[in-house]
Amino acid sequence: MKEIIEITVVDREDVHHVLEAPTDMAMSLMEVCKSYELPVEGLCGGMALCASCHVYVLSDHVLPEKSDDEEDMLDQAFFVKPNSRLGCQIKIREELEFLIVKLAPVAE
C-alpha cells in the first residue's frame, strides 16, 4: 500500500499546489488542505454541515457517491457545478493518487 500520494489543489487565484497526502491517517481532503494552510475553512469540522470546503473535482477519478448530507449541503451552497464535492467528504486513499481539485469561490 502506498502511504503517501500526490494531490493537486488549484487555489482561487489559479495557483497549482501539489500536496503530499498520507493514506494511513484517515484524513479528508479538507484536512490535508488545512494542513498546507490553503484557504479551506472547514467551519463544521468535517461533518458536511457547511460548504466552506467546497471543491470542484477536475480529474477523472471515481469518487464514492455523495451522502444525503453532502447532497443537502451542496443544494444550499453557492457556485455549485456537476463536479462539486465537499472536501471533508473525500477521504484520502491510495486510489486518489494524482487527484486534481479546484477550490470553489466563496460568496462575498
PDB file of N, CA and C in Angstrom:
ATOM      1  N   MET A   1       0.839  -1.191   0.000  1.00  0.00           N
ATOM      2  CA  MET A   1       0.000   0.000   0.000  1.00  0.00           C
ATOM      3  C   MET A   1       0.875   1.243   0.000  1.00  0.00           C
ATOM      4  N   LYS A   2       0.505   2.197  -0.795  1.00  0.00           N
ATOM      5  CA  LYS A   2       1.231   3.453  -0.875  1.00  0.00           C
ATOM      6  C   LYS A   2       0.816   4.338   0.299  1.00  0.00           C
ATOM      7  N   GLU A   3       1.792   4.811   1.074  1.00  0.00           N
ATOM      8  CA  GLU A   3       1.486   5.585   2.275  1.00  0.00           C
ATOM      9  C   GLU A   3       1.317   7.075   2.013  1.00  0.00           C
ATOM     10  N   ILE A   4       1.915   7.584   0.934  1.00  0.00           N
ATOM     11  CA  ILE A   4       1.819   8.997   0.580  1.00  0.00           C
ATOM     12  C   ILE A   4       1.420   9.096  -0.887  1.00  0.00           C
ATOM     13  N   ILE A   5       0.412   9.923  -1.159  1.00  0.00           N
ATOM     14  CA  ILE A   5       0.019  10.169  -2.549  1.00  0.00           C
ATOM     15  C   ILE A   5       0.131  11.660  -2.834  1.00  0.00           C
ATOM     16  N   GLU A   6       0.132  11.998  -4.113  1.00  0.00           N
ATOM     17  CA  GLU A   6       0.149  13.401  -4.521  1.00  0.00           C
ATOM     18  C   GLU A   6      -1.237  13.815  -4.996  1.00  0.00           C
ATOM     19  N   ILE A   7      -1.652  14.974  -4.531  1.00  0.00           N
ATOM     20  CA  ILE A   7      -2.921  15.575  -4.931  1.00  0.00           C
ATOM     21  C   ILE A   7      -2.626  17.017  -5.338  1.00  0.00           C
ATOM     22  N   THR A   8      -3.241  17.474  -6.413  1.00  0.00           N
ATOM     23  CA  THR A   8      -3.069  18.865  -6.837  1.00  0.00           C
ATOM     24  C   THR A   8      -4.319  19.647  -6.483  1.00  0.00           C
ATOM     25  N   VAL A   9      -4.100  20.764  -5.789  1.00  0.00           N
ATOM     26  CA  VAL A   9      -5.190  21.666  -5.433  1.00  0.00           C
ATOM     27  C   VAL A   9      -4.926  22.995  -6.134  1.00  0.00           C
ATOM     28  N   VAL A  10      -5.893  23.436  -6.921  1.00  0.00           N
ATOM     29  CA  VAL A  10      -5.810  24.720  -7.604  1.00  0.00           C
ATOM     30  C   VAL A  10      -6.556  25.728  -6.725  1.00  0.00           C
ATOM     31  N   ASP A  11      -5.837  26.757  -6.285  1.00  0.00           N
ATOM     32  CA  ASP A  11      -6.483  27.719  -5.388  1.00  0.00           C
ATOM     33  C   ASP A  11      -7.331  28.714  -6.179  1.00  0.00           C
ATOM     34  N   ARG A  12      -7.915  29.669  -5.492  1.00  0.00           N
ATOM     35  CA  ARG A  12      -8.842  30.606  -6.126  1.00  0.00           C
ATOM     36  C   ARG A  12      -8.154  31.617  -7.038  1.00  0.00           C
ATOM     37  N   GLU A  13      -6.821  31.664  -6.983  1.00  0.00           N
ATOM     38  CA  GLU A  13      -6.050  32.522  -7.893  1.00  0.00           C
ATOM     39  C   GLU A  13      -5.430  31.701  -9.024  1.00  0.00           C
ATOM     40  N   ASP A  14      -5.876  30.460  -9.182  1.00  0.00           N
ATOM     41  CA  ASP A  14      -5.405  29.518 -10.207  1.00  0.00           C
ATOM     42  C   ASP A  14      -3.957  29.086 -10.026  1.00  0.00           C
ATOM     43  N   VAL A  15      -3.453  29.145  -8.805  1.00  0.00           N
ATOM     44  CA  VAL A  15      -2.123  28.620  -8.499  1.00  0.00           C
ATOM     45  C   VAL A  15      -2.278  27.143  -8.149  1.00  0.00           C
ATOM     46  N   HIS A  16      -1.446  26.310  -8.780  1.00  0.00           N
ATOM     47  CA  HIS A  16      -1.477  24.869  -8.537  1.00  0.00           C
ATOM     48  C   HIS A  16      -0.556  24.526  -7.368  1.00  0.00           C
ATOM     49  N   HIS A  17      -1.095  23.772  -6.405  1.00  0.00           N
ATOM     50  CA  HIS A  17      -0.327  23.314  -5.245  1.00  0.00           C
ATOM     51  C   HIS A  17      -0.314  21.797  -5.276  1.00  0.00           C
ATOM     52  N   VAL A  18       0.875  21.197  -5.371  1.00  0.00           N
ATOM     53  CA  VAL A  18       0.993  19.748  -5.325  1.00  0.00           C
ATOM     54  C   VAL A  18       1.241  19.375  -3.867  1.00  0.00           C
ATOM     55  N   LEU A  19       0.288  18.650  -3.300  1.00  0.00           N
ATOM     56  CA  LEU A  19       0.338  18.289  -1.894  1.00  0.00           C
ATOM     57  C   LEU A  19       0.625  16.809  -1.726  1.00  0.00           C
ATOM     58  N   GLU A  20       1.369  16.499  -0.690  1.00  0.00           N
ATOM     59  CA  GLU A  20       1.562  15.098  -0.312  1.00  0.00           C
ATOM     60  C   GLU A  20       0.542  14.783   0.766  1.00  0.00           C
ATOM     61  N   ALA A  21      -0.188  13.695   0.571  1.00  0.00           N
ATOM     62  CA  ALA A  21      -1.258  13.334   1.496  1.00  0.00           C
ATOM     63  C   ALA A  21      -1.071  11.904   1.982  1.00  0.00           C
ATOM     64  N   PRO A  22      -1.113  11.690   3.291  1.00  0.00           N
ATOM     65  CA  PRO A  22      -0.956  10.334   3.823  1.00  0.00           C
ATOM     66  C   PRO A  22      -2.237   9.517   3.656  1.00  0.00           C
ATOM     67  N   THR A  23      -2.075   8.271   3.261  1.00  0.00           N
ATOM     68  CA  THR A  23      -3.242   7.399   3.084  1.00  0.00           C
ATOM     69  C   THR A  23      -3.545   6.589   4.337  1.00  0.00           C
ATOM     70  N   ASP A  24      -2.682   6.657   5.326  1.00  0.00           N
ATOM     71  CA  ASP A  24      -2.825   5.806   6.513  1.00  0.00           C
ATOM     72  C   ASP A  24      -3.307   6.553   7.758  1.00  0.00           C
ATOM     73  N   MET A  25      -3.841   7.764   7.586  1.00  0.00           N
ATOM     74  CA  MET A  25      -4.251   8.561   8.740  1.00  0.00           C
ATOM     75  C   MET A  25      -5.743   8.908   8.729  1.00  0.00           C
ATOM     76  N   ALA A  26      -6.496   8.364   7.802  1.00  0.00           N
ATOM     77  CA  ALA A  26      -7.942   8.605   7.702  1.00  0.00           C
ATOM     78  C   ALA A  26      -8.266  10.092   7.582  1.00  0.00           C
ATOM     79  N   MET A  27      -7.416  10.816   6.865  1.00  0.00           N
ATOM     80  CA  MET A  27      -7.643  12.256   6.667  1.00  0.00           C
ATOM     81  C   MET A  27      -8.587  12.488   5.495  1.00  0.00           C
ATOM     82  N   SER A  28      -9.237  13.630   5.524  1.00  0.00           N
ATOM     83  CA  SER A  28     -10.061  14.059   4.394  1.00  0.00           C
ATOM     84  C   SER A  28      -9.262  15.069   3.574  1.00  0.00           C
ATOM     85  N   LEU A  29      -9.741  15.342   2.381  1.00  0.00           N
ATOM     86  CA  LEU A  29      -9.114  16.355   1.538  1.00  0.00           C
ATOM     87  C   LEU A  29      -9.116  17.699   2.251  1.00  0.00           C
ATOM     88  N   MET A  30     -10.197  18.028   2.943  1.00  0.00           N
ATOM     89  CA  MET A  30     -10.268  19.286   3.683  1.00  0.00           C
ATOM     90  C   MET A  30      -9.135  19.369   4.709  1.00  0.00           C
ATOM     91  N   GLU A  31      -8.899  18.296   5.446  1.00  0.00           N
ATOM     92  CA  GLU A  31      -7.849  18.301   6.466  1.00  0.00           C
ATOM     93  C   GLU A  31      -6.467  18.453   5.848  1.00  0.00           C
ATOM     94  N   VAL A  32      -6.251  17.819   4.712  1.00  0.00           N
ATOM     95  CA  VAL A  32      -4.963  17.955   4.025  1.00  0.00           C
ATOM     96  C   VAL A  32      -4.768  19.400   3.582  1.00  0.00           C
ATOM     97  N   CYS A  33      -5.802  19.996   2.986  1.00  0.00           N
ATOM     98  CA  CYS A  33      -5.711  21.403   2.553  1.00  0.00           C
ATOM     99  C   CYS A  33      -5.411  22.315   3.739  1.00  0.00           C
ATOM    100  N   LYS A  34      -6.079  22.095   4.839  1.00  0.00           N
ATOM    101  CA  LYS A  34      -5.850  22.918   6.034  1.00  0.00           C
ATOM    102  C   LYS A  34      -4.425  22.744   6.554  1.00  0.00           C
ATOM    103  N   SER A  35      -3.897  21.525   6.482  1.00  0.00           N
ATOM    104  CA  SER A  35      -2.532  21.289   6.971  1.00  0.00           C
ATOM    105  C   SER A  35      -1.497  22.034   6.128  1.00  0.00           C
ATOM    106  N   TYR A  36      -1.838  22.330   4.866  1.00  0.00           N
ATOM    107  CA  TYR A  36      -0.966  23.110   3.995  1.00  0.00           C
ATOM    108  C   TYR A  36      -1.332  24.595   4.018  1.00  0.00           C
ATOM    109  N   GLU A  37      -2.233  24.964   4.910  1.00  0.00           N
ATOM    110  CA  GLU A  37      -2.672  26.348   5.098  1.00  0.00           C
ATOM    111  C   GLU A  37      -3.302  26.954   3.847  1.00  0.00           C
ATOM    112  N   LEU A  38      -3.987  26.119   3.080  1.00  0.00           N
ATOM    113  CA  LEU A  38      -4.767  26.625   1.956  1.00  0.00           C
ATOM    114  C   LEU A  38      -6.080  27.181   2.510  1.00  0.00           C
ATOM    115  N   PRO A  39      -6.715  28.112   1.802  1.00  0.00           N
ATOM    116  CA  PRO A  39      -7.901  28.782   2.340  1.00  0.00           C
ATOM    117  C   PRO A  39      -9.172  27.928   2.300  1.00  0.00           C
ATOM    118  N   VAL A  40      -9.161  26.870   3.084  1.00  0.00           N
ATOM    119  CA  VAL A  40     -10.317  25.991   3.256  1.00  0.00           C
ATOM    120  C   VAL A  40     -10.667  26.054   4.736  1.00  0.00           C
ATOM    121  N   GLU A  41     -11.836  26.591   5.044  1.00  0.00           N
ATOM    122  CA  GLU A  41     -12.167  26.830   6.436  1.00  0.00           C
ATOM    123  C   GLU A  41     -12.558  25.560   7.197  1.00  0.00           C
ATOM    124  N   GLY A  42     -13.462  24.775   6.649  1.00  0.00           N
ATOM    125  CA  GLY A  42     -13.917  23.591   7.372  1.00  0.00           C
ATOM    126  C   GLY A  42     -14.589  23.961   8.678  1.00  0.00           C
ATOM    127  N   LEU A  43     -15.463  24.948   8.627  1.00  0.00           N
ATOM    128  CA  LEU A  43     -16.079  25.506   9.830  1.00  0.00           C
ATOM    129  C   LEU A  43     -16.839  24.477  10.662  1.00  0.00           C
ATOM    130  N   CYS A  44     -17.408  23.456  10.035  1.00  0.00           N
ATOM    131  CA  CYS A  44     -18.201  22.472  10.770  1.00  0.00           C
ATOM    132  C   CYS A  44     -17.354  21.309  11.273  1.00  0.00           C
ATOM    133  N   GLY A  45     -16.049  21.350  10.988  1.00  0.00           N
ATOM    134  CA  GLY A  45     -15.177  20.269  11.452  1.00  0.00           C
ATOM    135  C   GLY A  45     -15.277  18.997  10.640  1.00  0.00           C
ATOM    136  N   GLY A  46     -15.815  19.085   9.444  1.00  0.00           N
ATOM    137  CA  GLY A  46     -15.869  17.913   8.571  1.00  0.00           C
ATOM    138  C   GLY A  46     -17.140  17.101   8.679  1.00  0.00           C
ATOM    139  N   MET A  47     -18.209  17.703   9.134  1.00  0.00           N
ATOM    140  CA  MET A  47     -19.471  16.995   9.341  1.00  0.00           C
ATOM    141  C   MET A  47     -20.479  17.200   8.195  1.00  0.00           C
ATOM    142  N   ALA A  48     -20.054  17.820   7.097  1.00  0.00           N
ATOM    143  CA  ALA A  48     -20.937  18.123   5.954  1.00  0.00           C
ATOM    144  C   ALA A  48     -22.095  19.021   6.368  1.00  0.00           C
ATOM    145  N   LEU A  49     -21.806  19.973   7.265  1.00  0.00           N
ATOM    146  CA  LEU A  49     -22.834  20.900   7.743  1.00  0.00           C
ATOM    147  C   LEU A  49     -22.624  22.322   7.244  1.00  0.00           C
ATOM    148  N   CYS A  50     -21.581  22.530   6.459  1.00  0.00           N
ATOM    149  CA  CYS A  50     -21.335  23.826   5.842  1.00  0.00           C
ATOM    150  C   CYS A  50     -20.712  23.540   4.480  1.00  0.00           C
ATOM    151  N   ALA A  51     -20.452  24.532   3.718  1.00  0.00           N
ATOM    152  CA  ALA A  51     -19.831  24.304   2.409  1.00  0.00           C
ATOM    153  C   ALA A  51     -18.505  25.043   2.304  1.00  0.00           C
ATOM    154  N   SER A  52     -17.856  25.277   3.428  1.00  0.00           N
ATOM    155  CA  SER A  52     -16.609  26.049   3.405  1.00  0.00           C
ATOM    156  C   SER A  52     -15.422  25.240   2.883  1.00  0.00           C
ATOM    157  N   CYS A  53     -15.642  23.976   2.529  1.00  0.00           N
ATOM    158  CA  CYS A  53     -14.591  23.155   1.915  1.00  0.00           C
ATOM    159  C   CYS A  53     -15.006  22.698   0.513  1.00  0.00           C
ATOM    160  N   HIS A  54     -15.909  23.441  -0.099  1.00  0.00           N
ATOM    161  CA  HIS A  54     -16.446  23.130  -1.429  1.00  0.00           C
ATOM    162  C   HIS A  54     -15.327  23.160  -2.475  1.00  0.00           C
ATOM    163  N   VAL A  55     -15.220  22.081  -3.247  1.00  0.00           N
ATOM    164  CA  VAL A  55     -14.226  21.986  -4.318  1.00  0.00           C
ATOM    165  C   VAL A  55     -14.892  21.471  -5.593  1.00  0.00           C
ATOM    166  N   TYR A  56     -14.209  21.694  -6.707  1.00  0.00           N
ATOM    167  CA  TYR A  56     -14.591  21.108  -7.985  1.00  0.00           C
ATOM    168  C   TYR A  56     -13.567  20.025  -8.311  1.00  0.00           C
ATOM    169  N   VAL A  57     -14.025  18.835  -8.605  1.00  0.00           N
ATOM    170  CA  VAL A  57     -13.137  17.743  -8.979  1.00  0.00           C
ATOM    171  C   VAL A  57     -12.849  17.877 -10.475  1.00  0.00           C
ATOM    172  N   LEU A  58     -11.577  18.085 -10.817  1.00  0.00           N
ATOM    173  CA  LEU A  58     -11.186  18.317 -12.206  1.00  0.00           C
ATOM    174  C   LEU A  58     -10.664  17.057 -12.893  1.00  0.00           C
ATOM    175  N   SER A  59     -10.162  16.103 -12.129  1.00  0.00           N
ATOM    176  CA  SER A  59      -9.628  14.871 -12.723  1.00  0.00           C
ATOM    177  C   SER A  59     -10.755  13.845 -12.877  1.00  0.00           C
ATOM    178  N   ASP A  60     -10.446  12.751 -13.554  1.00  0.00           N
ATOM    179  CA  ASP A  60     -11.450  11.720 -13.856  1.00  0.00           C
ATOM    180  C   ASP A  60     -11.534  10.635 -12.788  1.00  0.00           C
ATOM    181  N   HIS A  61     -11.151  10.918 -11.572  1.00  0.00           N
ATOM    182  CA  HIS A  61     -11.198   9.917 -10.511  1.00  0.00           C
ATOM    183  C   HIS A  61     -12.646   9.541 -10.183  1.00  0.00           C
ATOM    184  N   VAL A  62     -12.826   8.282  -9.872  1.00  0.00           N
ATOM    185  CA  VAL A  62     -14.134   7.809  -9.426  1.00  0.00           C
ATOM    186  C   VAL A  62     -14.174   7.958  -7.911  1.00  0.00           C
ATOM    187  N   LEU A  63     -15.099   8.780  -7.448  1.00  0.00           N
ATOM    188  CA  LEU A  63     -15.249   9.020  -6.015  1.00  0.00           C
ATOM    189  C   LEU A  63     -16.484   8.287  -5.505  1.00  0.00           C
ATOM    190  N   PRO A  64     -16.506   8.001  -4.207  1.00  0.00           N
ATOM    191  CA  PRO A  64     -17.727   7.406  -3.642  1.00  0.00           C
ATOM    192  C   PRO A  64     -18.924   8.323  -3.876  1.00  0.00           C
ATOM    193  N   GLU A  65     -20.099   7.733  -3.926  1.00  0.00           N
ATOM    194  CA  GLU A  65     -21.323   8.509  -4.096  1.00  0.00           C
ATOM    195  C   GLU A  65     -21.462   9.536  -2.975  1.00  0.00           C
ATOM    196  N   LYS A  66     -22.104  10.635  -3.287  1.00  0.00           N
ATOM    197  CA  LYS A  66     -22.371  11.653  -2.275  1.00  0.00           C
ATOM    198  C   LYS A  66     -23.390  11.113  -1.276  1.00  0.00           C
ATOM    199  N   SER A  67     -23.152  11.389  -0.009  1.00  0.00           N
ATOM    200  CA  SER A  67     -24.130  11.027   1.012  1.00  0.00           C
ATOM    201  C   SER A  67     -25.313  11.990   0.926  1.00  0.00           C
ATOM    202  N   ASP A  68     -26.401  11.650   1.574  1.00  0.00           N
ATOM    203  CA  ASP A  68     -27.560  12.547   1.609  1.00  0.00           C
ATOM    204  C   ASP A  68     -27.178  13.876   2.250  1.00  0.00           C
ATOM    205  N   ASP A  69     -26.361  13.830   3.307  1.00  0.00           N
ATOM    206  CA  ASP A  69     -25.925  15.062   3.974  1.00  0.00           C
ATOM    207  C   ASP A  69     -25.118  15.954   3.034  1.00  0.00           C
ATOM    208  N   GLU A  70     -24.217  15.339   2.255  1.00  0.00           N
ATOM    209  CA  GLU A  70     -23.420  16.121   1.309  1.00  0.00           C
ATOM    210  C   GLU A  70     -24.314  16.720   0.227  1.00  0.00           C
ATOM    211  N   GLU A  71     -25.231  15.929  -0.303  1.00  0.00           N
ATOM    212  CA  GLU A  71     -26.175  16.430  -1.317  1.00  0.00           C
ATOM    213  C   GLU A  71     -26.991  17.603  -0.765  1.00  0.00           C
ATOM    214  N   ASP A  72     -27.483  17.459   0.464  1.00  0.00           N
ATOM    215  CA  ASP A  72     -28.283  18.526   1.078  1.00  0.00           C
ATOM    216  C   ASP A  72     -27.472  19.811   1.225  1.00  0.00           C
ATOM    217  N   MET A  73     -26.212  19.673   1.645  1.00  0.00           N
ATOM    218  CA  MET A  73     -25.378  20.860   1.840  1.00  0.00           C
ATOM    219  C   MET A  73     -25.055  21.517   0.505  1.00  0.00           C
ATOM    220  N   LEU A  74     -24.756  20.730  -0.504  1.00  0.00           N
ATOM    221  CA  LEU A  74     -24.466  21.297  -1.824  1.00  0.00           C
ATOM    222  C   LEU A  74     -25.701  21.971  -2.424  1.00  0.00           C
ATOM    223  N   ASP A  75     -26.889  21.479  -2.079  1.00  0.00           N
ATOM    224  CA  ASP A  75     -28.120  22.117  -2.552  1.00  0.00           C
ATOM    225  C   ASP A  75     -28.248  23.544  -2.020  1.00  0.00           C
ATOM    226  N   GLN A  76     -27.593  23.831  -0.892  1.00  0.00           N
ATOM    227  CA  GLN A  76     -27.665  25.153  -0.278  1.00  0.00           C
ATOM    228  C   GLN A  76     -26.434  26.015  -0.570  1.00  0.00           C
ATOM    229  N   ALA A  77     -25.429  25.435  -1.194  1.00  0.00           N
ATOM    230  CA  ALA A  77     -24.161  26.138  -1.423  1.00  0.00           C
ATOM    231  C   ALA A  77     -24.253  27.049  -2.651  1.00  0.00           C
ATOM    232  N   PHE A  78     -23.307  27.981  -2.732  1.00  0.00           N
ATOM    233  CA  PHE A  78     -23.183  28.867  -3.880  1.00  0.00           C
ATOM    234  C   PHE A  78     -22.240  28.248  -4.911  1.00  0.00           C
ATOM    235  N   PHE A  79     -22.387  28.618  -6.166  1.00  0.00           N
ATOM    236  CA  PHE A  79     -21.461  28.255  -7.251  1.00  0.00           C
ATOM    237  C   PHE A  79     -21.331  26.744  -7.460  1.00  0.00           C
ATOM    238  N   VAL A  80     -22.402  26.004  -7.259  1.00  0.00           N
ATOM    239  CA  VAL A  80     -22.375  24.549  -7.399  1.00  0.00           C
ATOM    240  C   VAL A  80     -22.371  24.166  -8.878  1.00  0.00           C
ATOM    241  N   LYS A  81     -21.540  23.176  -9.199  1.00  0.00           N
ATOM    242  CA  LYS A  81     -21.443  22.627 -10.550  1.00  0.00           C
ATOM    243  C   LYS A  81     -21.629  21.113 -10.456  1.00  0.00           C
ATOM    244  N   PRO A  82     -21.769  20.441 -11.593  1.00  0.00           N
ATOM    245  CA  PRO A  82     -21.919  18.978 -11.553  1.00  0.00           C
ATOM    246  C   PRO A  82     -20.743  18.256 -10.887  1.00  0.00           C
ATOM    247  N   ASN A  83     -19.545  18.857 -10.916  1.00  0.00           N
ATOM    248  CA  ASN A  83     -18.364  18.220 -10.326  1.00  0.00           C
ATOM    249  C   ASN A  83     -18.066  18.733  -8.910  1.00  0.00           C
ATOM    250  N   SER A  84     -19.048  19.381  -8.288  1.00  0.00           N
ATOM    251  CA  SER A  84     -18.871  19.894  -6.927  1.00  0.00           C
ATOM    252  C   SER A  84     -18.874  18.769  -5.901  1.00  0.00           C
ATOM    253  N   ARG A  85     -17.974  18.895  -4.943  1.00  0.00           N
ATOM    254  CA  ARG A  85     -17.935  17.984  -3.789  1.00  0.00           C
ATOM    255  C   ARG A  85     -17.513  18.782  -2.564  1.00  0.00           C
ATOM    256  N   LEU A  86     -17.781  18.221  -1.394  1.00  0.00           N
ATOM    257  CA  LEU A  86     -17.270  18.789  -0.149  1.00  0.00           C
ATOM    258  C   LEU A  86     -15.967  18.083   0.176  1.00  0.00           C
ATOM    259  N   GLY A  87     -14.915  18.867   0.370  1.00  0.00           N
ATOM    260  CA  GLY A  87     -13.604  18.279   0.657  1.00  0.00           C
ATOM    261  C   GLY A  87     -13.588  17.418   1.906  1.00  0.00           C
ATOM    262  N   CYS A  88     -14.450  17.728   2.860  1.00  0.00           N
ATOM    263  CA  CYS A  88     -14.494  16.945   4.099  1.00  0.00           C
ATOM    264  C   CYS A  88     -15.032  15.545   3.868  1.00  0.00           C
ATOM    265  N   GLN A  89     -15.702  15.327   2.753  1.00  0.00           N
ATOM    266  CA  GLN A  89     -16.292  14.021   2.464  1.00  0.00           C
ATOM    267  C   GLN A  89     -15.442  13.175   1.515  1.00  0.00           C
ATOM    268  N   ILE A  90     -14.294  13.712   1.097  1.00  0.00           N
ATOM    269  CA  ILE A  90     -13.368  12.956   0.241  1.00  0.00           C
ATOM    270  C   ILE A  90     -12.250  12.436   1.134  1.00  0.00           C
ATOM    271  N   LYS A  91     -12.294  11.159   1.432  1.00  0.00           N
ATOM    272  CA  LYS A  91     -11.287  10.541   2.289  1.00  0.00           C
ATOM    273  C   LYS A  91     -10.056  10.169   1.460  1.00  0.00           C
ATOM    274  N   ILE A  92      -8.903  10.478   1.989  1.00  0.00           N
ATOM    275  CA  ILE A  92      -7.648  10.215   1.276  1.00  0.00           C
ATOM    276  C   ILE A  92      -7.373   8.721   1.276  1.00  0.00           C
ATOM    277  N   ARG A  93      -7.245   8.188   0.081  1.00  0.00           N
ATOM    278  CA  ARG A  93      -6.901   6.777  -0.084  1.00  0.00           C
ATOM    279  C   ARG A  93      -6.039   6.633  -1.331  1.00  0.00           C
ATOM    280  N   GLU A  94      -5.361   5.523  -1.432  1.00  0.00           N
ATOM    281  CA  GLU A  94      -4.379   5.295  -2.493  1.00  0.00           C
ATOM    282  C   GLU A  94      -4.952   5.533  -3.891  1.00  0.00           C
ATOM    283  N   GLU A  95      -6.207   5.191  -4.117  1.00  0.00           N
ATOM    284  CA  GLU A  95      -6.834   5.330  -5.436  1.00  0.00           C
ATOM    285  C   GLU A  95      -6.963   6.787  -5.883  1.00  0.00           C
ATOM    286  N   LEU A  96      -6.745   7.721  -4.972  1.00  0.00           N
ATOM    287  CA  LEU A  96      -6.867   9.138  -5.319  1.00  0.00           C
ATOM    288  C   LEU A  96      -5.538   9.776  -5.729  1.00  0.00           C
ATOM    289  N   GLU A  97      -4.514   8.947  -5.934  1.00  0.00           N
ATOM    290  CA  GLU A  97      -3.225   9.463  -6.415  1.00  0.00           C
ATOM    291  C   GLU A  97      -3.467  10.329  -7.651  1.00  0.00           C
ATOM    292  N   PHE A  98      -2.893  11.525  -7.652  1.00  0.00           N
ATOM    293  CA  PHE A  98      -2.975  12.498  -8.749  1.00  0.00           C
ATOM    294  C   PHE A  98      -4.365  13.123  -8.923  1.00  0.00           C
ATOM    295  N   LEU A  99      -5.196  13.065  -7.885  1.00  0.00           N
ATOM    296  CA  LEU A  99      -6.470  13.779  -7.887  1.00  0.00           C
ATOM    297  C   LEU A  99      -6.195  15.261  -8.106  1.00  0.00           C
ATOM    298  N   ILE A 100      -7.046  15.927  -8.873  1.00  0.00           N
ATOM    299  CA  ILE A 100      -6.934  17.359  -9.092  1.00  0.00           C
ATOM    300  C   ILE A 100      -8.266  18.000  -8.720  1.00  0.00           C
ATOM    301  N   VAL A 101      -8.210  18.964  -7.826  1.00  0.00           N
ATOM    302  CA  VAL A 101      -9.409  19.705  -7.433  1.00  0.00           C
ATOM    303  C   VAL A 101      -9.119  21.191  -7.479  1.00  0.00           C
ATOM    304  N   LYS A 102     -10.177  21.975  -7.608  1.00  0.00           N
ATOM    305  CA  LYS A 102     -10.077  23.432  -7.567  1.00  0.00           C
ATOM    306  C   LYS A 102     -10.985  23.931  -6.450  1.00  0.00           C
ATOM    307  N   LEU A 103     -10.461  24.856  -5.645  1.00  0.00           N
ATOM    308  CA  LEU A 103     -11.271  25.444  -4.580  1.00  0.00           C
ATOM    309  C   LEU A 103     -12.380  26.285  -5.200  1.00  0.00           C
ATOM    310  N   ALA A 104     -13.589  26.086  -4.750  1.00  0.00           N
ATOM    311  CA  ALA A 104     -14.735  26.853  -5.242  1.00  0.00           C
ATOM    312  C   ALA A 104     -14.650  28.277  -4.689  1.00  0.00           C
ATOM    313  N   PRO A 105     -15.196  29.229  -5.425  1.00  0.00           N
ATOM    314  CA  PRO A 105     -15.208  30.605  -4.916  1.00  0.00           C
ATOM    315  C   PRO A 105     -16.081  30.702  -3.666  1.00  0.00           C
ATOM    316  N   VAL A 106     -15.814  31.708  -2.867  1.00  0.00           N
ATOM    317  CA  VAL A 106     -16.625  31.935  -1.680  1.00  0.00           C
ATOM    318  C   VAL A 106     -17.591  33.086  -1.953  1.00  0.00           C
ATOM    319  N   ALA A 107     -18.748  33.004  -1.346  1.00  0.00           N
ATOM    320  CA  ALA A 107     -19.748  34.070  -1.501  1.00  0.00           C
ATOM    321  C   ALA A 107     -19.282  35.289  -0.723  1.00  0.00           C
ATOM    322  N   GLU A 108     -19.392  36.430  -1.318  1.00  0.00           N
ATOM    323  CA  GLU A 108     -18.949  37.673  -0.671  1.00  0.00           C
ATOM    324  C   GLU A 108     -20.037  38.242   0.200  1.00  0.00           C
TER     325      GLU A 108
END
